[in-house]
Amino acid sequence: MGFCYPGKGKTGDLPPRPECAPQWHEKLLENMPHIELVILVGAYTQKYYLKDKKTLTMRVGDYQSYLPKYFPIPHPPPTNRFWRAKNPWFEESIVPEIKLIIRRILE
């Protein structure tokens, strides 16, 4: 979401600075007109782009409703190991699907 490190918080990194995405994302995306899929990594990015009231888990589980433009996934750092442990369906079902979609785009 931001292009700088926001600093360390109690349980991980601080949230991204709120001025970064509105200032830079649209300008960057305008210069990349052939993007076929935007992978939305983490809750902050998903909330910004999807503008819905769903939780990260709901969005990831309902990824098909955001295709073909977006694919929501959880943030990968170690602090999310608890989320992954509680949601084994992500590794079993979602990861193979996103790999397949990316493979098709790259062909």
C-alpha atoms as a PDB file:
ATOM      1  CA  MET A   1       0.000   0.000   0.000  1.00  0.00           C
ATOM      2  CA  GLY A   2       2.843   2.339   0.796  1.00  0.00           C
ATOM      3  CA  PHE A   3       6.294   2.649  -0.613  1.00  0.00           C
ATOM      4  CA  CYS A   4       8.059   3.087   2.692  1.00  0.00           C
ATOM      5  CA  TYR A   5       8.358   1.073   5.891  1.00  0.00           C
ATOM      6  CA  PRO A   6       5.747   2.424   8.326  1.00  0.00           C
ATOM      7  CA  GLY A   7       7.606   1.248  11.443  1.00  0.00           C
ATOM      8  CA  LYS A   8       7.164  -1.508  13.993  1.00  0.00           C
ATOM      9  CA  GLY A   9       4.049  -1.864  16.118  1.00  0.00           C
ATOM     10  CA  LYS A  10       3.198  -4.117  19.074  1.00  0.00           C
ATOM     11  CA  THR A  11       2.236  -7.157  16.996  1.00  0.00           C
ATOM     12  CA  GLY A  12       3.975  -6.439  13.704  1.00  0.00           C
ATOM     13  CA  ASP A  13       4.398  -3.561  11.320  1.00  0.00           C
ATOM     14  CA  LEU A  14       2.347  -0.411  11.703  1.00  0.00           C
ATOM     15  CA  PRO A  15      -0.439   0.199   9.173  1.00  0.00           C
ATOM     16  CA  PRO A  16       0.565   1.766   5.855  1.00  0.00           C
ATOM     17  CA  ARG A  17       0.565   5.554   5.761  1.00  0.00           C
ATOM     18  CA  PRO A  18      -2.856   6.693   4.496  1.00  0.00           C
ATOM     19  CA  GLU A  19      -1.567   9.232   1.976  1.00  0.00           C
ATOM     20  CA  CYS A  20       0.562   6.795  -0.053  1.00  0.00           C
ATOM     21  CA  ALA A  21      -2.020   4.766  -1.972  1.00  0.00           C
ATOM     22  CA  PRO A  22      -4.182   7.719  -3.087  1.00  0.00           C
ATOM     23  CA  GLN A  23      -1.103   9.646  -4.134  1.00  0.00           C
ATOM     24  CA  TRP A  24       0.716   6.931  -6.077  1.00  0.00           C
ATOM     25  CA  HIS A  25      -1.326   3.854  -6.991  1.00  0.00           C
ATOM     26  CA  GLU A  26      -3.465   5.361  -9.756  1.00  0.00           C
ATOM     27  CA  LYS A  27      -0.442   7.067 -11.349  1.00  0.00           C
ATOM     28  CA  LEU A  28       1.511   3.817 -11.371  1.00  0.00           C
ATOM     29  CA  LEU A  29      -1.352   1.685 -12.655  1.00  0.00           C
ATOM     30  CA  GLU A  30      -2.019   4.138 -15.502  1.00  0.00           C
ATOM     31  CA  ASN A  31       1.512   3.394 -16.716  1.00  0.00           C
ATOM     32  CA  MET A  32       0.931  -0.360 -16.657  1.00  0.00           C
ATOM     33  CA  PRO A  33      -2.097  -0.766 -18.969  1.00  0.00           C
ATOM     34  CA  HIS A  34      -1.598  -4.482 -19.659  1.00  0.00           C
ATOM     35  CA  ILE A  35      -2.021  -5.755 -16.110  1.00  0.00           C
ATOM     36  CA  GLU A  36      -4.326  -8.765 -16.204  1.00  0.00           C
ATOM     37  CA  LEU A  37      -4.555  -9.515 -12.483  1.00  0.00           C
ATOM     38  CA  VAL A  38      -3.967  -7.490  -9.320  1.00  0.00           C
ATOM     39  CA  ILE A  39      -3.100  -9.650  -6.323  1.00  0.00           C
ATOM     40  CA  LEU A  40      -4.401  -7.885  -3.232  1.00  0.00           C
ATOM     41  CA  VAL A  41      -2.077  -8.900  -0.413  1.00  0.00           C
ATOM     42  CA  GLY A  42      -3.463  -8.384   3.072  1.00  0.00           C
ATOM     43  CA  ALA A  43      -6.441  -6.685   4.667  1.00  0.00           C
ATOM     44  CA  TYR A  44      -5.315  -3.076   4.133  1.00  0.00           C
ATOM     45  CA  THR A  45      -4.949  -3.514   0.394  1.00  0.00           C
ATOM     46  CA  GLN A  46      -8.213  -5.419   0.107  1.00  0.00           C
ATOM     47  CA  LYS A  47     -10.115  -2.802   2.082  1.00  0.00           C
ATOM     48  CA  TYR A  48      -8.702  -0.010  -0.084  1.00  0.00           C
ATOM     49  CA  TYR A  49      -9.476  -1.617  -3.438  1.00  0.00           C
ATOM     50  CA  LEU A  50     -12.579  -3.679  -2.741  1.00  0.00           C
ATOM     51  CA  LYS A  51     -14.370  -1.185  -0.487  1.00  0.00           C
ATOM     52  CA  ASP A  52     -16.601  -3.810   1.081  1.00  0.00           C
ATOM     53  CA  LYS A  53     -17.334  -4.752   4.678  1.00  0.00           C
ATOM     54  CA  LYS A  54     -16.037  -8.326   4.441  1.00  0.00           C
ATOM     55  CA  THR A  55     -13.233  -9.705   6.568  1.00  0.00           C
ATOM     56  CA  LEU A  56      -9.962 -10.870   5.033  1.00  0.00           C
ATOM     57  CA  THR A  57     -11.064 -14.488   5.516  1.00  0.00           C
ATOM     58  CA  MET A  58     -14.362 -13.838   3.766  1.00  0.00           C
ATOM     59  CA  ARG A  59     -12.648 -12.089   0.840  1.00  0.00           C
ATOM     60  CA  VAL A  60     -10.042 -14.805   0.394  1.00  0.00           C
ATOM     61  CA  GLY A  61     -12.691 -17.514   0.542  1.00  0.00           C
ATOM     62  CA  ASP A  62     -14.840 -15.627  -1.955  1.00  0.00           C
ATOM     63  CA  TYR A  63     -11.946 -14.752  -4.295  1.00  0.00           C
ATOM     64  CA  GLN A  64     -13.941 -15.837  -7.369  1.00  0.00           C
ATOM     65  CA  SER A  65     -16.320 -12.906  -6.995  1.00  0.00           C
ATOM     66  CA  TYR A  66     -13.386 -10.494  -7.476  1.00  0.00           C
ATOM     67  CA  LEU A  67     -11.999 -12.151 -10.597  1.00  0.00           C
ATOM     68  CA  PRO A  68     -10.851 -11.452 -13.244  1.00  0.00           C
ATOM     69  CA  LYS A  69      -9.411  -8.152 -11.988  1.00  0.00           C
ATOM     70  CA  TYR A  70      -8.492  -8.887  -8.365  1.00  0.00           C
ATOM     71  CA  PHE A  71      -7.343 -11.877  -6.320  1.00  0.00           C
ATOM     72  CA  PRO A  72      -7.304 -11.329  -2.534  1.00  0.00           C
ATOM     73  CA  ILE A  73      -4.796 -13.286  -0.442  1.00  0.00           C
ATOM     74  CA  PRO A  74      -3.556 -12.991   3.161  1.00  0.00           C
ATOM     75  CA  HIS A  75      -0.310 -11.229   3.959  1.00  0.00           C
ATOM     76  CA  PRO A  76       2.493 -13.818   4.043  1.00  0.00           C
ATOM     77  CA  PRO A  77       4.737 -12.876   6.994  1.00  0.00           C
ATOM     78  CA  PRO A  78       5.158 -15.118  10.038  1.00  0.00           C
ATOM     79  CA  THR A  79       2.624 -13.104  12.046  1.00  0.00           C
ATOM     80  CA  ASN A  80      -0.080 -14.676   9.868  1.00  0.00           C
ATOM     81  CA  ARG A  81       0.887 -18.237  10.711  1.00  0.00           C
ATOM     82  CA  PHE A  82      -2.100 -18.392  13.077  1.00  0.00           C
ATOM     83  CA  TRP A  83      -4.483 -17.386  10.292  1.00  0.00           C
ATOM     84  CA  ARG A  84      -3.023 -20.051   8.025  1.00  0.00           C
ATOM     85  CA  ALA A  85      -3.271 -22.672  10.760  1.00  0.00           C
ATOM     86  CA  LYS A  86      -6.960 -21.806  11.298  1.00  0.00           C
ATOM     87  CA  ASN A  87      -7.665 -21.782   7.558  1.00  0.00           C
ATOM     88  CA  PRO A  88      -5.954 -24.812   5.972  1.00  0.00           C
ATOM     89  CA  TRP A  89      -8.329 -24.526   2.990  1.00  0.00           C
ATOM     90  CA  PHE A  90      -6.207 -21.595   1.787  1.00  0.00           C
ATOM     91  CA  GLU A  91      -3.141 -23.774   1.114  1.00  0.00           C
ATOM     92  CA  GLU A  92      -5.248 -26.708  -0.079  1.00  0.00           C
ATOM     93  CA  SER A  93      -7.619 -24.915  -2.457  1.00  0.00           C
ATOM     94  CA  ILE A  94      -6.746 -21.274  -3.025  1.00  0.00           C
ATOM     95  CA  VAL A  95      -2.980 -21.504  -3.561  1.00  0.00           C
ATOM     96  CA  PRO A  96      -3.317 -24.049  -6.399  1.00  0.00           C
ATOM     97  CA  GLU A  97      -5.984 -21.862  -8.014  1.00  0.00           C
ATOM     98  CA  ILE A  98      -3.915 -18.687  -7.978  1.00  0.00           C
ATOM     99  CA  LYS A  99      -0.935 -20.621  -9.339  1.00  0.00           C
ATOM    100  CA  LEU A 100      -3.088 -21.846 -12.214  1.00  0.00           C
ATOM    101  CA  ILE A 101      -4.378 -18.348 -12.996  1.00  0.00           C
ATOM    102  CA  ILE A 102      -0.881 -16.855 -12.923  1.00  0.00           C
ATOM    103  CA  ARG A 103       0.433 -19.658 -15.144  1.00  0.00           C
ATOM    104  CA  ARG A 104      -2.313 -18.916 -17.716  1.00  0.00           C
ATOM    105  CA  ILE A 105      -1.497 -15.213 -17.706  1.00  0.00           C
ATOM    106  CA  LEU A 106       2.219 -15.859 -18.202  1.00  0.00           C
ATOM    107  CA  GLU A 107       1.731 -18.257 -21.129  1.00  0.00           C
END
